Amino acid sequence: MRKFIVTIALGGAMLLGAMGTQSAQAQTYPNVADRTAFSPAANYMSLPGYLRFLYLQQSQRWISREEAINAARAQGANVGPAPTG
């Protein structure tokens, strides 16, 4: 019985520890709405590409092209029409 109680206590402590290490973080993307695509200000990149590049430098993580397009559009940047094919 004692072994069972110790096991339950350790399991609960591990569960609480694991829950404490996960924190919700809001994704904040660099602002590219004030840039012009393929200009020197955007390092001669498209705005979603430039946003991906800046986000990589900021967080050491690549985001998908679709995620970058959606983030740039949400900022009001002109990213052009959606691809057709």
PDB file of N, CA and C in Angstrom:
ATOM      1  N   MET A   1       0.832  -1.197   0.000  1.00  0.00           N
ATOM      2  CA  MET A   1       0.000   0.000   0.000  1.00  0.00           C
ATOM      3  C   MET A   1       0.874   1.257   0.000  1.00  0.00           C
ATOM      4  N   ARG A   2       1.939   1.197   0.782  1.00  0.00           N
ATOM      5  CA  ARG A   2       2.828   2.357   0.876  1.00  0.00           C
ATOM      6  C   ARG A   2       3.481   2.635  -0.483  1.00  0.00           C
ATOM      7  N   LYS A   3       3.887   1.581  -1.164  1.00  0.00           N
ATOM      8  CA  LYS A   3       4.512   1.717  -2.473  1.00  0.00           C
ATOM      9  C   LYS A   3       3.522   2.336  -3.474  1.00  0.00           C
ATOM     10  N   PHE A   4       2.275   1.956  -3.382  1.00  0.00           N
ATOM     11  CA  PHE A   4       1.237   2.494  -4.253  1.00  0.00           C
ATOM     12  C   PHE A   4       1.057   3.993  -4.017  1.00  0.00           C
ATOM     13  N   ILE A   5       1.041   4.422  -2.795  1.00  0.00           N
ATOM     14  CA  ILE A   5       0.857   5.843  -2.467  1.00  0.00           C
ATOM     15  C   ILE A   5       2.058   6.656  -2.952  1.00  0.00           C
ATOM     16  N   VAL A   6       3.256   6.122  -2.789  1.00  0.00           N
ATOM     17  CA  VAL A   6       4.450   6.824  -3.256  1.00  0.00           C
ATOM     18  C   VAL A   6       4.423   6.947  -4.776  1.00  0.00           C
ATOM     19  N   THR A   7       4.006   5.887  -5.444  1.00  0.00           N
ATOM     20  CA  THR A   7       3.917   5.910  -6.903  1.00  0.00           C
ATOM     21  C   THR A   7       2.915   6.954  -7.370  1.00  0.00           C
ATOM     22  N   ILE A   8       1.775   7.012  -6.728  1.00  0.00           N
ATOM     23  CA  ILE A   8       0.748   7.997  -7.092  1.00  0.00           C
ATOM     24  C   ILE A   8       1.272   9.413  -6.831  1.00  0.00           C
ATOM     25  N   ALA A   9       1.945   9.629  -5.721  1.00  0.00           N
ATOM     26  CA  ALA A   9       2.469  10.950  -5.388  1.00  0.00           C
ATOM     27  C   ALA A   9       3.525  11.387  -6.400  1.00  0.00           C
ATOM     28  N   LEU A  10       4.423  10.488  -6.787  1.00  0.00           N
ATOM     29  CA  LEU A  10       5.450  10.825  -7.769  1.00  0.00           C
ATOM     30  C   LEU A  10       4.838  11.088  -9.141  1.00  0.00           C
ATOM     31  N   GLY A  11       3.870  10.293  -9.511  1.00  0.00           N
ATOM     32  CA  GLY A  11       3.192  10.501 -10.791  1.00  0.00           C
ATOM     33  C   GLY A  11       2.494  11.849 -10.838  1.00  0.00           C
ATOM     34  N   GLY A  12       1.843  12.215  -9.747  1.00  0.00           N
ATOM     35  CA  GLY A  12       1.175  13.512  -9.676  1.00  0.00           C
ATOM     36  C   GLY A  12       2.164  14.658  -9.748  1.00  0.00           C
ATOM     37  N   ALA A  13       3.305  14.503  -9.070  1.00  0.00           N
ATOM     38  CA  ALA A  13       4.327  15.541  -9.104  1.00  0.00           C
ATOM     39  C   ALA A  13       4.903  15.702 -10.509  1.00  0.00           C
ATOM     40  N   MET A  14       5.105  14.579 -11.197  1.00  0.00           N
ATOM     41  CA  MET A  14       5.622  14.647 -12.567  1.00  0.00           C
ATOM     42  C   MET A  14       4.606  15.307 -13.496  1.00  0.00           C
ATOM     43  N   LEU A  15       3.344  14.996 -13.303  1.00  0.00           N
ATOM     44  CA  LEU A  15       2.299  15.580 -14.130  1.00  0.00           C
ATOM     45  C   LEU A  15       2.221  17.086 -13.919  1.00  0.00           C
ATOM     46  N   LEU A  16       2.276  17.519 -12.675  1.00  0.00           N
ATOM     47  CA  LEU A  16       2.227  18.954 -12.380  1.00  0.00           C
ATOM     48  C   LEU A  16       3.462  19.654 -12.925  1.00  0.00           C
ATOM     49  N   GLY A  17       4.604  19.013 -12.846  1.00  0.00           N
ATOM     50  CA  GLY A  17       5.825  19.604 -13.383  1.00  0.00           C
ATOM     51  C   GLY A  17       5.762  19.762 -14.884  1.00  0.00           C
ATOM     52  N   ALA A  18       5.225  18.765 -15.563  1.00  0.00           N
ATOM     53  CA  ALA A  18       5.100  18.836 -17.019  1.00  0.00           C
ATOM     54  C   ALA A  18       4.111  19.911 -17.427  1.00  0.00           C
ATOM     55  N   MET A  19       3.054  20.071 -16.682  1.00  0.00           N
ATOM     56  CA  MET A  19       2.061  21.098 -16.998  1.00  0.00           C
ATOM     57  C   MET A  19       2.634  22.488 -16.771  1.00  0.00           C
ATOM     58  N   GLY A  20       3.497  22.626 -15.790  1.00  0.00           N
ATOM     59  CA  GLY A  20       4.082  23.925 -15.488  1.00  0.00           C
ATOM     60  C   GLY A  20       5.085  24.387 -16.529  1.00  0.00           C
ATOM     61  N   THR A  21       5.690  23.462 -17.275  1.00  0.00           N
ATOM     62  CA  THR A  21       6.691  23.851 -18.256  1.00  0.00           C
ATOM     63  C   THR A  21       6.079  24.313 -19.563  1.00  0.00           C
ATOM     64  N   GLN A  22       4.832  23.996 -19.802  1.00  0.00           N
ATOM     65  CA  GLN A  22       4.185  24.413 -21.034  1.00  0.00           C
ATOM     66  C   GLN A  22       3.476  25.732 -20.799  1.00  0.00           C
ATOM     67  N   SER A  23       3.931  26.751 -21.508  1.00  0.00           N
ATOM     68  CA  SER A  23       3.275  28.046 -21.373  1.00  0.00           C
ATOM     69  C   SER A  23       2.779  28.480 -22.740  1.00  0.00           C
ATOM     70  N   ALA A  24       1.634  29.072 -22.756  1.00  0.00           N
ATOM     71  CA  ALA A  24       1.056  29.548 -24.010  1.00  0.00           C
ATOM     72  C   ALA A  24       1.780  30.810 -24.436  1.00  0.00           C
ATOM     73  N   GLN A  25       2.202  30.839 -25.679  1.00  0.00           N
ATOM     74  CA  GLN A  25       2.878  32.010 -26.204  1.00  0.00           C
ATOM     75  C   GLN A  25       2.158  32.463 -27.466  1.00  0.00           C
ATOM     76  N   ALA A  26       1.811  33.728 -27.492  1.00  0.00           N
ATOM     77  CA  ALA A  26       1.176  34.278 -28.684  1.00  0.00           C
ATOM     78  C   ALA A  26       2.253  34.502 -29.741  1.00  0.00           C
ATOM     79  N   GLN A  27       1.926  34.179 -30.983  1.00  0.00           N
ATOM     80  CA  GLN A  27       2.884  34.391 -32.051  1.00  0.00           C
ATOM     81  C   GLN A  27       2.842  35.843 -32.468  1.00  0.00           C
ATOM     82  N   THR A  28       3.974  36.481 -32.394  1.00  0.00           N
ATOM     83  CA  THR A  28       4.070  37.852 -32.869  1.00  0.00           C
ATOM     84  C   THR A  28       5.004  37.857 -34.064  1.00  0.00           C
ATOM     85  N   TYR A  29       4.476  38.303 -35.169  1.00  0.00           N
ATOM     86  CA  TYR A  29       5.238  38.320 -36.405  1.00  0.00           C
ATOM     87  C   TYR A  29       5.813  39.715 -36.620  1.00  0.00           C
ATOM     88  N   PRO A  30       6.975  39.795 -37.248  1.00  0.00           N
ATOM     89  CA  PRO A  30       7.531  41.115 -37.589  1.00  0.00           C
ATOM     90  C   PRO A  30       6.595  41.837 -38.558  1.00  0.00           C
ATOM     91  N   ASN A  31       6.534  43.141 -38.440  1.00  0.00           N
ATOM     92  CA  ASN A  31       5.645  43.926 -39.282  1.00  0.00           C
ATOM     93  C   ASN A  31       6.314  44.198 -40.628  1.00  0.00           C
ATOM     94  N   VAL A  32       5.644  43.809 -41.703  1.00  0.00           N
ATOM     95  CA  VAL A  32       6.163  44.050 -43.052  1.00  0.00           C
ATOM     96  C   VAL A  32       5.214  44.912 -43.870  1.00  0.00           C
ATOM     97  N   ALA A  33       4.139  45.408 -43.265  1.00  0.00           N
ATOM     98  CA  ALA A  33       3.126  46.167 -43.998  1.00  0.00           C
ATOM     99  C   ALA A  33       3.673  47.486 -44.536  1.00  0.00           C
ATOM    100  N   ASP A  34       4.697  48.024 -43.925  1.00  0.00           N
ATOM    101  CA  ASP A  34       5.241  49.308 -44.363  1.00  0.00           C
ATOM    102  C   ASP A  34       6.332  49.150 -45.422  1.00  0.00           C
ATOM    103  N   ARG A  35       6.577  47.938 -45.888  1.00  0.00           N
ATOM    104  CA  ARG A  35       7.613  47.665 -46.894  1.00  0.00           C
ATOM    105  C   ARG A  35       6.978  47.456 -48.262  1.00  0.00           C
ATOM    106  N   THR A  36       7.774  47.619 -49.290  1.00  0.00           N
ATOM    107  CA  THR A  36       7.351  47.333 -50.655  1.00  0.00           C
ATOM    108  C   THR A  36       8.045  46.058 -51.099  1.00  0.00           C
ATOM    109  N   ALA A  37       7.290  45.161 -51.695  1.00  0.00           N
ATOM    110  CA  ALA A  37       7.841  43.885 -52.134  1.00  0.00           C
ATOM    111  C   ALA A  37       8.965  44.094 -53.142  1.00  0.00           C
ATOM    112  N   PHE A  38       9.993  43.289 -53.049  1.00  0.00           N
ATOM    113  CA  PHE A  38      11.138  43.257 -53.959  1.00  0.00           C
ATOM    114  C   PHE A  38      11.915  44.569 -54.000  1.00  0.00           C
ATOM    115  N   SER A  39      11.824  45.349 -52.937  1.00  0.00           N
ATOM    116  CA  SER A  39      12.580  46.597 -52.847  1.00  0.00           C
ATOM    117  C   SER A  39      13.796  46.374 -51.946  1.00  0.00           C
ATOM    118  N   PRO A  40      14.735  47.311 -51.954  1.00  0.00           N
ATOM    119  CA  PRO A  40      15.869  47.169 -51.040  1.00  0.00           C
ATOM    120  C   PRO A  40      15.431  47.099 -49.572  1.00  0.00           C
ATOM    121  N   ALA A  41      14.328  47.768 -49.227  1.00  0.00           N
ATOM    122  CA  ALA A  41      13.840  47.739 -47.844  1.00  0.00           C
ATOM    123  C   ALA A  41      13.389  46.345 -47.428  1.00  0.00           C
ATOM    124  N   ALA A  42      12.960  45.543 -48.401  1.00  0.00           N
ATOM    125  CA  ALA A  42      12.536  44.169 -48.121  1.00  0.00           C
ATOM    126  C   ALA A  42      13.622  43.173 -48.513  1.00  0.00           C
ATOM    127  N   ASN A  43      14.849  43.674 -48.665  1.00  0.00           N
ATOM    128  CA  ASN A  43      15.994  42.833 -49.007  1.00  0.00           C
ATOM    129  C   ASN A  43      15.756  42.093 -50.330  1.00  0.00           C
ATOM    130  N   TYR A  44      15.043  42.747 -51.249  1.00  0.00           N
ATOM    131  CA  TYR A  44      14.724  42.208 -52.577  1.00  0.00           C
ATOM    132  C   TYR A  44      13.943  40.899 -52.508  1.00  0.00           C
ATOM    133  N   MET A  45      13.099  40.756 -51.485  1.00  0.00           N
ATOM    134  CA  MET A  45      12.280  39.557 -51.307  1.00  0.00           C
ATOM    135  C   MET A  45      10.805  39.934 -51.398  1.00  0.00           C
ATOM    136  N   SER A  46       9.973  38.912 -51.593  1.00  0.00           N
ATOM    137  CA  SER A  46       8.525  39.124 -51.470  1.00  0.00           C
ATOM    138  C   SER A  46       8.237  39.413 -50.001  1.00  0.00           C
ATOM    139  N   LEU A  47       7.084  40.006 -49.733  1.00  0.00           N
ATOM    140  CA  LEU A  47       6.773  40.333 -48.335  1.00  0.00           C
ATOM    141  C   LEU A  47       6.593  39.091 -47.460  1.00  0.00           C
ATOM    142  N   PRO A  48       5.905  38.035 -47.940  1.00  0.00           N
ATOM    143  CA  PRO A  48       5.854  36.829 -47.109  1.00  0.00           C
ATOM    144  C   PRO A  48       7.245  36.211 -46.904  1.00  0.00           C
ATOM    145  N   GLY A  49       8.071  36.233 -47.940  1.00  0.00           N
ATOM    146  CA  GLY A  49       9.425  35.705 -47.802  1.00  0.00           C
ATOM    147  C   GLY A  49      10.242  36.514 -46.814  1.00  0.00           C
ATOM    148  N   TYR A  50      10.107  37.822 -46.875  1.00  0.00           N
ATOM    149  CA  TYR A  50      10.829  38.694 -45.936  1.00  0.00           C
ATOM    150  C   TYR A  50      10.331  38.486 -44.507  1.00  0.00           C
ATOM    151  N   LEU A  51       9.026  38.309 -44.356  1.00  0.00           N
ATOM    152  CA  LEU A  51       8.467  38.038 -43.027  1.00  0.00           C
ATOM    153  C   LEU A  51       9.021  36.718 -42.472  1.00  0.00           C
ATOM    154  N   ARG A  52       9.092  35.692 -43.324  1.00  0.00           N
ATOM    155  CA  ARG A  52       9.651  34.393 -42.898  1.00  0.00           C
ATOM    156  C   ARG A  52      11.104  34.556 -42.455  1.00  0.00           C
ATOM    157  N   PHE A  53      11.875  35.334 -43.225  1.00  0.00           N
ATOM    158  CA  PHE A  53      13.281  35.566 -42.922  1.00  0.00           C
ATOM    159  C   PHE A  53      13.443  36.286 -41.575  1.00  0.00           C
ATOM    160  N   LEU A  54      12.654  37.347 -41.373  1.00  0.00           N
ATOM    161  CA  LEU A  54      12.731  38.084 -40.111  1.00  0.00           C
ATOM    162  C   LEU A  54      12.303  37.214 -38.929  1.00  0.00           C
ATOM    163  N   TYR A  55      11.251  36.418 -39.139  1.00  0.00           N
ATOM    164  CA  TYR A  55      10.766  35.546 -38.061  1.00  0.00           C
ATOM    165  C   TYR A  55      11.804  34.488 -37.711  1.00  0.00           C
ATOM    166  N   LEU A  56      12.520  33.975 -38.705  1.00  0.00           N
ATOM    167  CA  LEU A  56      13.589  33.006 -38.449  1.00  0.00           C
ATOM    168  C   LEU A  56      14.675  33.632 -37.589  1.00  0.00           C
ATOM    169  N   GLN A  57      15.065  34.847 -37.912  1.00  0.00           N
ATOM    170  CA  GLN A  57      16.084  35.525 -37.110  1.00  0.00           C
ATOM    171  C   GLN A  57      15.611  35.773 -35.684  1.00  0.00           C
ATOM    172  N   GLN A  58      14.326  36.081 -35.537  1.00  0.00           N
ATOM    173  CA  GLN A  58      13.765  36.413 -34.228  1.00  0.00           C
ATOM    174  C   GLN A  58      13.573  35.176 -33.354  1.00  0.00           C
ATOM    175  N   SER A  59      13.105  34.064 -33.940  1.00  0.00           N
ATOM    176  CA  SER A  59      12.703  32.919 -33.122  1.00  0.00           C
ATOM    177  C   SER A  59      13.474  31.625 -33.393  1.00  0.00           C
ATOM    178  N   GLN A  60      14.356  31.641 -34.387  1.00  0.00           N
ATOM    179  CA  GLN A  60      15.094  30.431 -34.771  1.00  0.00           C
ATOM    180  C   GLN A  60      14.163  29.317 -35.237  1.00  0.00           C
ATOM    181  N   ARG A  61      13.046  29.691 -35.847  1.00  0.00           N
ATOM    182  CA  ARG A  61      12.075  28.714 -36.332  1.00  0.00           C
ATOM    183  C   ARG A  61      11.487  29.216 -37.640  1.00  0.00           C
ATOM    184  N   TRP A  62      11.433  28.323 -38.636  1.00  0.00           N
ATOM    185  CA  TRP A  62      10.805  28.661 -39.907  1.00  0.00           C
ATOM    186  C   TRP A  62       9.300  28.520 -39.772  1.00  0.00           C
ATOM    187  N   ILE A  63       8.568  29.404 -40.427  1.00  0.00           N
ATOM    188  CA  ILE A  63       7.124  29.245 -40.533  1.00  0.00           C
ATOM    189  C   ILE A  63       6.820  28.890 -41.993  1.00  0.00           C
ATOM    190  N   SER A  64       5.666  28.328 -42.216  1.00  0.00           N
ATOM    191  CA  SER A  64       5.305  27.919 -43.570  1.00  0.00           C
ATOM    192  C   SER A  64       5.007  29.145 -44.432  1.00  0.00           C
ATOM    193  N   ARG A  65       5.046  28.937 -45.733  1.00  0.00           N
ATOM    194  CA  ARG A  65       4.744  30.015 -46.671  1.00  0.00           C
ATOM    195  C   ARG A  65       3.313  30.499 -46.477  1.00  0.00           C
ATOM    196  N   GLU A  66       2.379  29.567 -46.295  1.00  0.00           N
ATOM    197  CA  GLU A  66       0.978  29.936 -46.097  1.00  0.00           C
ATOM    198  C   GLU A  66       0.800  30.761 -44.829  1.00  0.00           C
ATOM    199  N   GLU A  67       1.491  30.366 -43.771  1.00  0.00           N
ATOM    200  CA  GLU A  67       1.408  31.106 -42.510  1.00  0.00           C
ATOM    201  C   GLU A  67       1.949  32.524 -42.682  1.00  0.00           C
ATOM    202  N   ALA A  68       3.031  32.666 -43.441  1.00  0.00           N
ATOM    203  CA  ALA A  68       3.613  33.980 -43.683  1.00  0.00           C
ATOM    204  C   ALA A  68       2.689  34.848 -44.531  1.00  0.00           C
ATOM    205  N   ILE A  69       2.057  34.253 -45.535  1.00  0.00           N
ATOM    206  CA  ILE A  69       1.119  35.002 -46.378  1.00  0.00           C
ATOM    207  C   ILE A  69      -0.055  35.491 -45.542  1.00  0.00           C
ATOM    208  N   ASN A  70      -0.609  34.610 -44.719  1.00  0.00           N
ATOM    209  CA  ASN A  70      -1.744  35.001 -43.868  1.00  0.00           C
ATOM    210  C   ASN A  70      -1.345  36.084 -42.878  1.00  0.00           C
ATOM    211  N   ALA A  71      -0.160  35.992 -42.303  1.00  0.00           N
ATOM    212  CA  ALA A  71       0.295  37.004 -41.339  1.00  0.00           C
ATOM    213  C   ALA A  71       0.513  38.340 -42.028  1.00  0.00           C
ATOM    214  N   ALA A  72       1.104  38.332 -43.225  1.00  0.00           N
ATOM    215  CA  ALA A  72       1.337  39.579 -43.951  1.00  0.00           C
ATOM    216  C   ALA A  72       0.011  40.214 -44.365  1.00  0.00           C
ATOM    217  N   ARG A  73      -0.937  39.391 -44.823  1.00  0.00           N
ATOM    218  CA  ARG A  73      -2.259  39.929 -45.186  1.00  0.00           C
ATOM    219  C   ARG A  73      -2.970  40.514 -43.967  1.00  0.00           C
ATOM    220  N   ALA A  74      -2.846  39.854 -42.824  1.00  0.00           N
ATOM    221  CA  ALA A  74      -3.481  40.356 -41.599  1.00  0.00           C
ATOM    222  C   ALA A  74      -2.900  41.710 -41.189  1.00  0.00           C
ATOM    223  N   GLN A  75      -1.655  41.960 -41.548  1.00  0.00           N
ATOM    224  CA  GLN A  75      -1.024  43.243 -41.234  1.00  0.00           C
ATOM    225  C   GLN A  75      -1.403  44.330 -42.232  1.00  0.00           C
ATOM    226  N   GLY A  76      -2.084  43.932 -43.312  1.00  0.00           N
ATOM    227  CA  GLY A  76      -2.485  44.893 -44.325  1.00  0.00           C
ATOM    228  C   GLY A  76      -1.492  45.021 -45.455  1.00  0.00           C
ATOM    229  N   ALA A  77      -0.527  44.114 -45.538  1.00  0.00           N
ATOM    230  CA  ALA A  77       0.468  44.174 -46.602  1.00  0.00           C
ATOM    231  C   ALA A  77      -0.144  43.677 -47.910  1.00  0.00           C
ATOM    232  N   ASN A  78       0.327  44.236 -49.012  1.00  0.00           N
ATOM    233  CA  ASN A  78      -0.133  43.822 -50.341  1.00  0.00           C
ATOM    234  C   ASN A  78       0.744  42.652 -50.777  1.00  0.00           C
ATOM    235  N   VAL A  79       0.216  41.437 -50.656  1.00  0.00           N
ATOM    236  CA  VAL A  79       0.986  40.256 -51.025  1.00  0.00           C
ATOM    237  C   VAL A  79       0.549  39.693 -52.360  1.00  0.00           C
ATOM    238  N   GLY A  80      -0.332  40.354 -53.033  1.00  0.00           N
ATOM    239  CA  GLY A  80      -0.761  39.907 -54.347  1.00  0.00           C
ATOM    240  C   GLY A  80      -1.880  38.880 -54.252  1.00  0.00           C
ATOM    241  N   PRO A  81      -2.339  38.430 -55.416  1.00  0.00           N
ATOM    242  CA  PRO A  81      -3.446  37.471 -55.429  1.00  0.00           C
ATOM    243  C   PRO A  81      -2.989  36.084 -55.004  1.00  0.00           C
ATOM    244  N   ALA A  82      -3.946  35.278 -54.626  1.00  0.00           N
ATOM    245  CA  ALA A  82      -3.648  33.898 -54.262  1.00  0.00           C
ATOM    246  C   ALA A  82      -3.258  33.122 -55.521  1.00  0.00           C
ATOM    247  N   PRO A  83      -2.329  32.165 -55.406  1.00  0.00           N
ATOM    248  CA  PRO A  83      -1.944  31.390 -56.584  1.00  0.00           C
ATOM    249  C   PRO A  83      -3.100  30.574 -57.126  1.00  0.00           C
ATOM    250  N   THR A  84      -3.129  30.379 -58.418  1.00  0.00           N
ATOM    251  CA  THR A  84      -4.240  29.663 -59.035  1.00  0.00           C
ATOM    252  C   THR A  84      -3.928  28.195 -59.312  1.00  0.00           C
ATOM    253  N   GLY A  85      -2.697  27.808 -59.236  1.00  0.00           N
ATOM    254  CA  GLY A  85      -2.406  26.432 -59.580  1.00  0.00           C
ATOM    255  C   GLY A  85      -1.400  25.891 -58.729  1.00  0.00           C
TER     256      GLY A  85
END
